[in-house]
Amino acid sequence: MMPTTEAYLLDKVLYELHHKPDDLAAYNQDKAAYLARYKLTADMAHKISSNDVAALYEAGVNPYLLRAHCIGVRIPEDVSLAALRSLMKEGDDKWLN
């Protein structure tokens, strides 16, 4: 299945943010200015700048890029996992046992 345009753009931003040497510093200095480099909707920029792990996952962000983002911006693992677990529906955890 092909990713949506939204997922592609979010992936691109997260990839560049965490794989280009100066990008994370620029992002941390001024999130809005950094994100303005990309053709993101306000909603997409908000998902990144607010570190909304659940919304990014639901938007189709690559899980590896999402994990790199969580590590790069120092989202505690328990917080990022709780956000992902909040998306689970009853019975989704049966494969975990």
PDB file of N, CA and C in Angstrom:
ATOM      1  N   MET A   1       0.843  -1.180   0.000  1.00  0.00           N
ATOM      2  CA  MET A   1       0.000   0.000   0.000  1.00  0.00           C
ATOM      3  C   MET A   1       0.889   1.244   0.000  1.00  0.00           C
ATOM      4  N   MET A   2       0.545   2.177  -0.810  1.00  0.00           N
ATOM      5  CA  MET A   2       1.293   3.430  -0.907  1.00  0.00           C
ATOM      6  C   MET A   2       0.915   4.348   0.255  1.00  0.00           C
ATOM      7  N   PRO A   3       1.893   5.061   0.808  1.00  0.00           N
ATOM      8  CA  PRO A   3       1.564   6.022   1.865  1.00  0.00           C
ATOM      9  C   PRO A   3       0.791   7.202   1.281  1.00  0.00           C
ATOM     10  N   THR A   4       0.019   7.832   2.125  1.00  0.00           N
ATOM     11  CA  THR A   4      -0.701   9.030   1.694  1.00  0.00           C
ATOM     12  C   THR A   4       0.293  10.169   1.502  1.00  0.00           C
ATOM     13  N   THR A   5      -0.146  11.214   0.850  1.00  0.00           N
ATOM     14  CA  THR A   5       0.700  12.393   0.686  1.00  0.00           C
ATOM     15  C   THR A   5       1.071  12.968   2.042  1.00  0.00           C
ATOM     16  N   GLU A   6       0.108  12.981   2.957  1.00  0.00           N
ATOM     17  CA  GLU A   6       0.386  13.484   4.309  1.00  0.00           C
ATOM     18  C   GLU A   6       1.478  12.655   4.969  1.00  0.00           C
ATOM     19  N   ALA A   7       1.355  11.335   4.903  1.00  0.00           N
ATOM     20  CA  ALA A   7       2.353  10.455   5.525  1.00  0.00           C
ATOM     21  C   ALA A   7       3.720  10.680   4.893  1.00  0.00           C
ATOM     22  N   TYR A   8       3.757  10.804   3.578  1.00  0.00           N
ATOM     23  CA  TYR A   8       5.029  11.035   2.883  1.00  0.00           C
ATOM     24  C   TYR A   8       5.688  12.325   3.365  1.00  0.00           C
ATOM     25  N   LEU A   9       4.934  13.403   3.428  1.00  0.00           N
ATOM     26  CA  LEU A   9       5.496  14.689   3.847  1.00  0.00           C
ATOM     27  C   LEU A   9       5.964  14.641   5.300  1.00  0.00           C
ATOM     28  N   LEU A  10       5.170  14.028   6.166  1.00  0.00           N
ATOM     29  CA  LEU A  10       5.577  13.897   7.568  1.00  0.00           C
ATOM     30  C   LEU A  10       6.846  13.058   7.678  1.00  0.00           C
ATOM     31  N   ASP A  11       6.891  11.961   6.935  1.00  0.00           N
ATOM     32  CA  ASP A  11       8.095  11.115   6.926  1.00  0.00           C
ATOM     33  C   ASP A  11       9.309  11.910   6.465  1.00  0.00           C
ATOM     34  N   LYS A  12       9.132  12.697   5.414  1.00  0.00           N
ATOM     35  CA  LYS A  12      10.241  13.479   4.864  1.00  0.00           C
ATOM     36  C   LYS A  12      10.783  14.447   5.905  1.00  0.00           C
ATOM     37  N   VAL A  13       9.883  15.144   6.586  1.00  0.00           N
ATOM     38  CA  VAL A  13      10.314  16.092   7.613  1.00  0.00           C
ATOM     39  C   VAL A  13      11.047  15.360   8.731  1.00  0.00           C
ATOM     40  N   LEU A  14      10.472  14.277   9.225  1.00  0.00           N
ATOM     41  CA  LEU A  14      11.107  13.550  10.328  1.00  0.00           C
ATOM     42  C   LEU A  14      12.443  12.959   9.904  1.00  0.00           C
ATOM     43  N   TYR A  15      12.529  12.466   8.683  1.00  0.00           N
ATOM     44  CA  TYR A  15      13.797  11.923   8.205  1.00  0.00           C
ATOM     45  C   TYR A  15      14.871  13.016   8.195  1.00  0.00           C
ATOM     46  N   GLU A  16      14.551  14.131   7.565  1.00  0.00           N
ATOM     47  CA  GLU A  16      15.536  15.201   7.452  1.00  0.00           C
ATOM     48  C   GLU A  16      15.867  15.796   8.810  1.00  0.00           C
ATOM     49  N   LEU A  17      14.873  15.921   9.650  1.00  0.00           N
ATOM     50  CA  LEU A  17      15.067  16.479  10.990  1.00  0.00           C
ATOM     51  C   LEU A  17      16.090  15.683  11.789  1.00  0.00           C
ATOM     52  N   HIS A  18      16.063  14.374  11.635  1.00  0.00           N
ATOM     53  CA  HIS A  18      16.923  13.529  12.458  1.00  0.00           C
ATOM     54  C   HIS A  18      18.085  12.885  11.700  1.00  0.00           C
ATOM     55  N   HIS A  19      18.275  13.255  10.435  1.00  0.00           N
ATOM     56  CA  HIS A  19      19.389  12.693   9.667  1.00  0.00           C
ATOM     57  C   HIS A  19      20.301  13.745   9.045  1.00  0.00           C
ATOM     58  N   LYS A  20      19.949  14.987   9.152  1.00  0.00           N
ATOM     59  CA  LYS A  20      20.804  16.054   8.644  1.00  0.00           C
ATOM     60  C   LYS A  20      21.407  16.777   9.846  1.00  0.00           C
ATOM     61  N   PRO A  21      22.701  16.957   9.836  1.00  0.00           N
ATOM     62  CA  PRO A  21      23.417  17.426  11.022  1.00  0.00           C
ATOM     63  C   PRO A  21      22.868  18.682  11.713  1.00  0.00           C
ATOM     64  N   ASP A  22      22.503  19.697  10.976  1.00  0.00           N
ATOM     65  CA  ASP A  22      22.091  20.951  11.606  1.00  0.00           C
ATOM     66  C   ASP A  22      20.584  21.103  11.788  1.00  0.00           C
ATOM     67  N   ASP A  23      19.828  20.172  11.260  1.00  0.00           N
ATOM     68  CA  ASP A  23      18.377  20.341  11.261  1.00  0.00           C
ATOM     69  C   ASP A  23      17.750  20.283  12.651  1.00  0.00           C
ATOM     70  N   LEU A  24      18.191  19.361  13.489  1.00  0.00           N
ATOM     71  CA  LEU A  24      17.600  19.259  14.825  1.00  0.00           C
ATOM     72  C   LEU A  24      17.863  20.526  15.631  1.00  0.00           C
ATOM     73  N   ALA A  25      19.044  21.091  15.506  1.00  0.00           N
ATOM     74  CA  ALA A  25      19.356  22.344  16.205  1.00  0.00           C
ATOM     75  C   ALA A  25      18.456  23.475  15.703  1.00  0.00           C
ATOM     76  N   ALA A  26      18.258  23.535  14.384  1.00  0.00           N
ATOM     77  CA  ALA A  26      17.390  24.574  13.805  1.00  0.00           C
ATOM     78  C   ALA A  26      15.951  24.389  14.282  1.00  0.00           C
ATOM     79  N   TYR A  27      15.500  23.146  14.332  1.00  0.00           N
ATOM     80  CA  TYR A  27      14.150  22.843  14.799  1.00  0.00           C
ATOM     81  C   TYR A  27      13.982  23.250  16.263  1.00  0.00           C
ATOM     82  N   ASN A  28      14.959  22.887  17.082  1.00  0.00           N
ATOM     83  CA  ASN A  28      14.877  23.218  18.505  1.00  0.00           C
ATOM     84  C   ASN A  28      14.938  24.720  18.744  1.00  0.00           C
ATOM     85  N   GLN A  29      15.622  25.441  17.871  1.00  0.00           N
ATOM     86  CA  GLN A  29      15.726  26.887  18.013  1.00  0.00           C
ATOM     87  C   GLN A  29      14.410  27.578  17.649  1.00  0.00           C
ATOM     88  N   ASP A  30      13.766  27.128  16.567  1.00  0.00           N
ATOM     89  CA  ASP A  30      12.513  27.757  16.124  1.00  0.00           C
ATOM     90  C   ASP A  30      11.712  26.738  15.312  1.00  0.00           C
ATOM     91  N   LYS A  31      10.839  26.026  16.003  1.00  0.00           N
ATOM     92  CA  LYS A  31      10.058  24.959  15.360  1.00  0.00           C
ATOM     93  C   LYS A  31       9.260  25.479  14.172  1.00  0.00           C
ATOM     94  N   ALA A  32       8.577  26.595  14.374  1.00  0.00           N
ATOM     95  CA  ALA A  32       7.714  27.126  13.306  1.00  0.00           C
ATOM     96  C   ALA A  32       8.526  27.482  12.064  1.00  0.00           C
ATOM     97  N   ALA A  33       9.653  28.122  12.256  1.00  0.00           N
ATOM     98  CA  ALA A  33      10.492  28.502  11.112  1.00  0.00           C
ATOM     99  C   ALA A  33      11.030  27.262  10.408  1.00  0.00           C
ATOM    100  N   TYR A  34      11.446  26.264  11.180  1.00  0.00           N
ATOM    101  CA  TYR A  34      11.951  25.036  10.562  1.00  0.00           C
ATOM    102  C   TYR A  34      10.854  24.358   9.745  1.00  0.00           C
ATOM    103  N   LEU A  35       9.684  24.207  10.339  1.00  0.00           N
ATOM    104  CA  LEU A  35       8.589  23.509   9.654  1.00  0.00           C
ATOM    105  C   LEU A  35       8.060  24.286   8.457  1.00  0.00           C
ATOM    106  N   ALA A  36       8.268  25.614   8.461  1.00  0.00           N
ATOM    107  CA  ALA A  36       7.820  26.446   7.329  1.00  0.00           C
ATOM    108  C   ALA A  36       8.609  26.140   6.056  1.00  0.00           C
ATOM    109  N   ARG A  37       9.725  25.444   6.187  1.00  0.00           N
ATOM    110  CA  ARG A  37      10.514  25.051   5.006  1.00  0.00           C
ATOM    111  C   ARG A  37       9.760  24.054   4.131  1.00  0.00           C
ATOM    112  N   TYR A  38       8.785  23.404   4.712  1.00  0.00           N
ATOM    113  CA  TYR A  38       8.073  22.316   4.045  1.00  0.00           C
ATOM    114  C   TYR A  38       6.642  22.747   3.724  1.00  0.00           C
ATOM    115  N   LYS A  39       6.047  22.097   2.765  1.00  0.00           N
ATOM    116  CA  LYS A  39       4.668  22.411   2.381  1.00  0.00           C
ATOM    117  C   LYS A  39       3.699  21.596   3.231  1.00  0.00           C
ATOM    118  N   LEU A  40       3.675  21.913   4.527  1.00  0.00           N
ATOM    119  CA  LEU A  40       2.819  21.203   5.465  1.00  0.00           C
ATOM    120  C   LEU A  40       1.557  22.006   5.730  1.00  0.00           C
ATOM    121  N   THR A  41       0.478  21.304   5.979  1.00  0.00           N
ATOM    122  CA  THR A  41      -0.718  21.995   6.459  1.00  0.00           C
ATOM    123  C   THR A  41      -0.468  22.384   7.913  1.00  0.00           C
ATOM    124  N   ALA A  42      -1.289  23.261   8.432  1.00  0.00           N
ATOM    125  CA  ALA A  42      -1.162  23.653   9.840  1.00  0.00           C
ATOM    126  C   ALA A  42      -1.325  22.437  10.742  1.00  0.00           C
ATOM    127  N   ASP A  43      -2.240  21.541  10.369  1.00  0.00           N
ATOM    128  CA  ASP A  43      -2.466  20.331  11.160  1.00  0.00           C
ATOM    129  C   ASP A  43      -1.231  19.431  11.171  1.00  0.00           C
ATOM    130  N   MET A  44      -0.606  19.272  10.030  1.00  0.00           N
ATOM    131  CA  MET A  44       0.592  18.431   9.956  1.00  0.00           C
ATOM    132  C   MET A  44       1.726  19.035  10.774  1.00  0.00           C
ATOM    133  N   ALA A  45       1.934  20.335  10.659  1.00  0.00           N
ATOM    134  CA  ALA A  45       2.981  20.997  11.433  1.00  0.00           C
ATOM    135  C   ALA A  45       2.706  20.875  12.929  1.00  0.00           C
ATOM    136  N   HIS A  46       1.441  20.979  13.300  1.00  0.00           N
ATOM    137  CA  HIS A  46       1.075  20.850  14.717  1.00  0.00           C
ATOM    138  C   HIS A  46       1.369  19.447  15.249  1.00  0.00           C
ATOM    139  N   LYS A  47       1.099  18.433  14.449  1.00  0.00           N
ATOM    140  CA  LYS A  47       1.373  17.057  14.878  1.00  0.00           C
ATOM    141  C   LYS A  47       2.848  16.881  15.213  1.00  0.00           C
ATOM    142  N   ILE A  48       3.709  17.485  14.416  1.00  0.00           N
ATOM    143  CA  ILE A  48       5.145  17.372  14.666  1.00  0.00           C
ATOM    144  C   ILE A  48       5.553  18.254  15.842  1.00  0.00           C
ATOM    145  N   SER A  49       5.189  19.517  15.795  1.00  0.00           N
ATOM    146  CA  SER A  49       5.668  20.449  16.815  1.00  0.00           C
ATOM    147  C   SER A  49       5.122  20.143  18.200  1.00  0.00           C
ATOM    148  N   SER A  50       3.951  19.513  18.276  1.00  0.00           N
ATOM    149  CA  SER A  50       3.393  19.165  19.580  1.00  0.00           C
ATOM    150  C   SER A  50       3.810  17.764  20.024  1.00  0.00           C
ATOM    151  N   ASN A  51       4.607  17.109  19.183  1.00  0.00           N
ATOM    152  CA  ASN A  51       5.063  15.741  19.484  1.00  0.00           C
ATOM    153  C   ASN A  51       3.893  14.805  19.778  1.00  0.00           C
ATOM    154  N   ASP A  52       2.866  14.910  18.959  1.00  0.00           N
ATOM    155  CA  ASP A  52       1.676  14.076  19.125  1.00  0.00           C
ATOM    156  C   ASP A  52       1.932  12.703  18.501  1.00  0.00           C
ATOM    157  N   VAL A  53       2.519  11.829  19.296  1.00  0.00           N
ATOM    158  CA  VAL A  53       2.933  10.507  18.825  1.00  0.00           C
ATOM    159  C   VAL A  53       1.756   9.733  18.240  1.00  0.00           C
ATOM    160  N   ALA A  54       0.632   9.744  18.934  1.00  0.00           N
ATOM    161  CA  ALA A  54      -0.539   8.998  18.464  1.00  0.00           C
ATOM    162  C   ALA A  54      -1.037   9.545  17.125  1.00  0.00           C
ATOM    163  N   ALA A  55      -1.123  10.865  17.005  1.00  0.00           N
ATOM    164  CA  ALA A  55      -1.609  11.466  15.757  1.00  0.00           C
ATOM    165  C   ALA A  55      -0.645  11.210  14.605  1.00  0.00           C
ATOM    166  N   LEU A  56       0.655  11.260  14.874  1.00  0.00           N
ATOM    167  CA  LEU A  56       1.636  10.975  13.824  1.00  0.00           C
ATOM    168  C   LEU A  56       1.516   9.530  13.362  1.00  0.00           C
ATOM    169  N   TYR A  57       1.345   8.616  14.298  1.00  0.00           N
ATOM    170  CA  TYR A  57       1.187   7.202  13.944  1.00  0.00           C
ATOM    171  C   TYR A  57      -0.082   6.999  13.119  1.00  0.00           C
ATOM    172  N   GLU A  58      -1.179   7.593  13.570  1.00  0.00           N
ATOM    173  CA  GLU A  58      -2.443   7.460  12.832  1.00  0.00           C
ATOM    174  C   GLU A  58      -2.357   8.083  11.440  1.00  0.00           C
ATOM    175  N   ALA A  59      -1.511   9.090  11.283  1.00  0.00           N
ATOM    176  CA  ALA A  59      -1.345   9.737   9.971  1.00  0.00           C
ATOM    177  C   ALA A  59      -0.520   8.879   9.023  1.00  0.00           C
ATOM    178  N   GLY A  60       0.056   7.795   9.539  1.00  0.00           N
ATOM    179  CA  GLY A  60       0.791   6.878   8.686  1.00  0.00           C
ATOM    180  C   GLY A  60       2.294   7.063   8.680  1.00  0.00           C
ATOM    181  N   VAL A  61       2.807   7.809   9.666  1.00  0.00           N
ATOM    182  CA  VAL A  61       4.255   8.008   9.748  1.00  0.00           C
ATOM    183  C   VAL A  61       4.941   6.662   9.926  1.00  0.00           C
ATOM    184  N   ASN A  62       6.065   6.503   9.246  1.00  0.00           N
ATOM    185  CA  ASN A  62       6.852   5.288   9.368  1.00  0.00           C
ATOM    186  C   ASN A  62       7.242   5.087  10.833  1.00  0.00           C
ATOM    187  N   PRO A  63       6.972   3.909  11.392  1.00  0.00           N
ATOM    188  CA  PRO A  63       7.259   3.682  12.817  1.00  0.00           C
ATOM    189  C   PRO A  63       8.724   3.898  13.200  1.00  0.00           C
ATOM    190  N   TYR A  64       9.645   3.587  12.303  1.00  0.00           N
ATOM    191  CA  TYR A  64      11.059   3.794  12.604  1.00  0.00           C
ATOM    192  C   TYR A  64      11.404   5.282  12.661  1.00  0.00           C
ATOM    193  N   LEU A  65      10.817   6.071  11.763  1.00  0.00           N
ATOM    194  CA  LEU A  65      11.037   7.508  11.796  1.00  0.00           C
ATOM    195  C   LEU A  65      10.368   8.126  13.018  1.00  0.00           C
ATOM    196  N   LEU A  66       9.215   7.598  13.390  1.00  0.00           N
ATOM    197  CA  LEU A  66       8.525   8.085  14.586  1.00  0.00           C
ATOM    198  C   LEU A  66       9.365   7.797  15.829  1.00  0.00           C
ATOM    199  N   ARG A  67       9.940   6.603  15.896  1.00  0.00           N
ATOM    200  CA  ARG A  67      10.804   6.246  17.030  1.00  0.00           C
ATOM    201  C   ARG A  67      12.033   7.144  17.066  1.00  0.00           C
ATOM    202  N   ALA A  68      12.632   7.391  15.912  1.00  0.00           N
ATOM    203  CA  ALA A  68      13.797   8.283  15.854  1.00  0.00           C
ATOM    204  C   ALA A  68      13.427   9.682  16.335  1.00  0.00           C
ATOM    205  N   HIS A  69      12.232  10.132  15.986  1.00  0.00           N
ATOM    206  CA  HIS A  69      11.779  11.449  16.432  1.00  0.00           C
ATOM    207  C   HIS A  69      11.628  11.467  17.951  1.00  0.00           C
ATOM    208  N   CYS A  70      11.015  10.433  18.493  1.00  0.00           N
ATOM    209  CA  CYS A  70      10.830  10.363  19.951  1.00  0.00           C
ATOM    210  C   CYS A  70      12.174  10.423  20.668  1.00  0.00           C
ATOM    211  N   ILE A  71      13.142   9.692  20.149  1.00  0.00           N
ATOM    212  CA  ILE A  71      14.478   9.701  20.753  1.00  0.00           C
ATOM    213  C   ILE A  71      15.138  11.064  20.555  1.00  0.00           C
ATOM    214  N   GLY A  72      15.039  11.592  19.349  1.00  0.00           N
ATOM    215  CA  GLY A  72      15.716  12.852  19.013  1.00  0.00           C
ATOM    216  C   GLY A  72      15.225  14.044  19.811  1.00  0.00           C
ATOM    217  N   VAL A  73      13.929  14.096  20.083  1.00  0.00           N
ATOM    218  CA  VAL A  73      13.388  15.230  20.846  1.00  0.00           C
ATOM    219  C   VAL A  73      13.167  14.860  22.313  1.00  0.00           C
ATOM    220  N   ARG A  74      13.691  13.703  22.690  1.00  0.00           N
ATOM    221  CA  ARG A  74      13.708  13.232  24.077  1.00  0.00           C
ATOM    222  C   ARG A  74      12.315  13.054  24.690  1.00  0.00           C
ATOM    223  N   ILE A  75      11.429  12.431  23.931  1.00  0.00           N
ATOM    224  CA  ILE A  75      10.139  12.027  24.485  1.00  0.00           C
ATOM    225  C   ILE A  75      10.406  10.744  25.271  1.00  0.00           C
ATOM    226  N   PRO A  76      10.098  10.732  26.560  1.00  0.00           N
ATOM    227  CA  PRO A  76      10.363   9.517  27.337  1.00  0.00           C
ATOM    228  C   PRO A  76       9.646   8.308  26.732  1.00  0.00           C
ATOM    229  N   GLU A  77      10.319   7.166  26.783  1.00  0.00           N
ATOM    230  CA  GLU A  77       9.765   5.959  26.172  1.00  0.00           C
ATOM    231  C   GLU A  77       8.396   5.602  26.739  1.00  0.00           C
ATOM    232  N   ASP A  78       8.213   5.757  28.050  1.00  0.00           N
ATOM    233  CA  ASP A  78       6.920   5.419  28.632  1.00  0.00           C
ATOM    234  C   ASP A  78       5.813   6.334  28.105  1.00  0.00           C
ATOM    235  N   VAL A  79       6.157   7.565  27.795  1.00  0.00           N
ATOM    236  CA  VAL A  79       5.179   8.515  27.245  1.00  0.00           C
ATOM    237  C   VAL A  79       4.819   8.145  25.809  1.00  0.00           C
ATOM    238  N   SER A  80       5.834   7.842  24.993  1.00  0.00           N
ATOM    239  CA  SER A  80       5.552   7.496  23.594  1.00  0.00           C
ATOM    240  C   SER A  80       4.785   6.178  23.512  1.00  0.00           C
ATOM    241  N   LEU A  81       5.145   5.199  24.339  1.00  0.00           N
ATOM    242  CA  LEU A  81       4.419   3.924  24.317  1.00  0.00           C
ATOM    243  C   LEU A  81       2.992   4.083  24.818  1.00  0.00           C
ATOM    244  N   ALA A  82       2.791   4.926  25.814  1.00  0.00           N
ATOM    245  CA  ALA A  82       1.426   5.175  26.308  1.00  0.00           C
ATOM    246  C   ALA A  82       0.571   5.805  25.211  1.00  0.00           C
ATOM    247  N   ALA A  83       1.171   6.704  24.436  1.00  0.00           N
ATOM    248  CA  ALA A  83       0.427   7.330  23.336  1.00  0.00           C
ATOM    249  C   ALA A  83       0.014   6.283  22.307  1.00  0.00           C
ATOM    250  N   LEU A  84       0.922   5.381  21.985  1.00  0.00           N
ATOM    251  CA  LEU A  84       0.596   4.325  21.020  1.00  0.00           C
ATOM    252  C   LEU A  84      -0.425   3.348  21.589  1.00  0.00           C
ATOM    253  N   ARG A  85      -0.284   3.001  22.853  1.00  0.00           N
ATOM    254  CA  ARG A  85      -1.242   2.080  23.483  1.00  0.00           C
ATOM    255  C   ARG A  85      -2.636   2.688  23.555  1.00  0.00           C
ATOM    256  N   SER A  86      -2.710   4.013  23.613  1.00  0.00           N
ATOM    257  CA  SER A  86      -4.022   4.665  23.677  1.00  0.00           C
ATOM    258  C   SER A  86      -4.832   4.423  22.410  1.00  0.00           C
ATOM    259  N   LEU A  87      -4.157   4.036  21.332  1.00  0.00           N
ATOM    260  CA  LEU A  87      -4.832   3.776  20.059  1.00  0.00           C
ATOM    261  C   LEU A  87      -5.402   2.364  19.977  1.00  0.00           C
ATOM    262  N   MET A  88      -4.983   1.508  20.898  1.00  0.00           N
ATOM    263  CA  MET A  88      -5.439   0.115  20.852  1.00  0.00           C
ATOM    264  C   MET A  88      -6.917   0.022  21.211  1.00  0.00           C
ATOM    265  N   LYS A  89      -7.572  -0.870  20.542  1.00  0.00           N
ATOM    266  CA  LYS A  89      -8.978  -1.142  20.825  1.00  0.00           C
ATOM    267  C   LYS A  89      -9.058  -2.446  21.621  1.00  0.00           C
ATOM    268  N   GLU A  90     -10.178  -2.671  22.242  1.00  0.00           N
ATOM    269  CA  GLU A  90     -10.360  -3.884  23.036  1.00  0.00           C
ATOM    270  C   GLU A  90     -10.050  -5.116  22.187  1.00  0.00           C
ATOM    271  N   GLY A  91      -9.216  -5.975  22.715  1.00  0.00           N
ATOM    272  CA  GLY A  91      -8.856  -7.204  22.014  1.00  0.00           C
ATOM    273  C   GLY A  91      -7.597  -7.081  21.197  1.00  0.00           C
ATOM    274  N   ASP A  92      -7.111  -5.848  20.961  1.00  0.00           N
ATOM    275  CA  ASP A  92      -5.895  -5.669  20.169  1.00  0.00           C
ATOM    276  C   ASP A  92      -4.658  -6.240  20.847  1.00  0.00           C
ATOM    277  N   ASP A  93      -4.730  -6.418  22.161  1.00  0.00           N
ATOM    278  CA  ASP A  93      -3.553  -6.880  22.897  1.00  0.00           C
ATOM    279  C   ASP A  93      -3.465  -8.396  22.994  1.00  0.00           C
ATOM    280  N   LYS A  94      -4.378  -9.123  22.390  1.00  0.00           N
ATOM    281  CA  LYS A  94      -4.385 -10.577  22.513  1.00  0.00           C
ATOM    282  C   LYS A  94      -3.113 -11.215  21.941  1.00  0.00           C
ATOM    283  N   TRP A  95      -2.498 -10.589  20.977  1.00  0.00           N
ATOM    284  CA  TRP A  95      -1.275 -11.127  20.386  1.00  0.00           C
ATOM    285  C   TRP A  95      -0.054 -10.848  21.250  1.00  0.00           C
ATOM    286  N   LEU A  96      -0.206  -9.985  22.271  1.00  0.00           N
ATOM    287  CA  LEU A  96       0.917  -9.656  23.152  1.00  0.00           C
ATOM    288  C   LEU A  96       1.156 -10.744  24.202  1.00  0.00           C
ATOM    289  N   ASN A  97       0.151 -11.549  24.460  1.00  0.00           N
ATOM    290  CA  ASN A  97       0.274 -12.561  25.518  1.00  0.00           C
ATOM    291  C   ASN A  97       1.018 -13.790  25.057  1.00  0.00           C
TER     292      ASN A  97
END
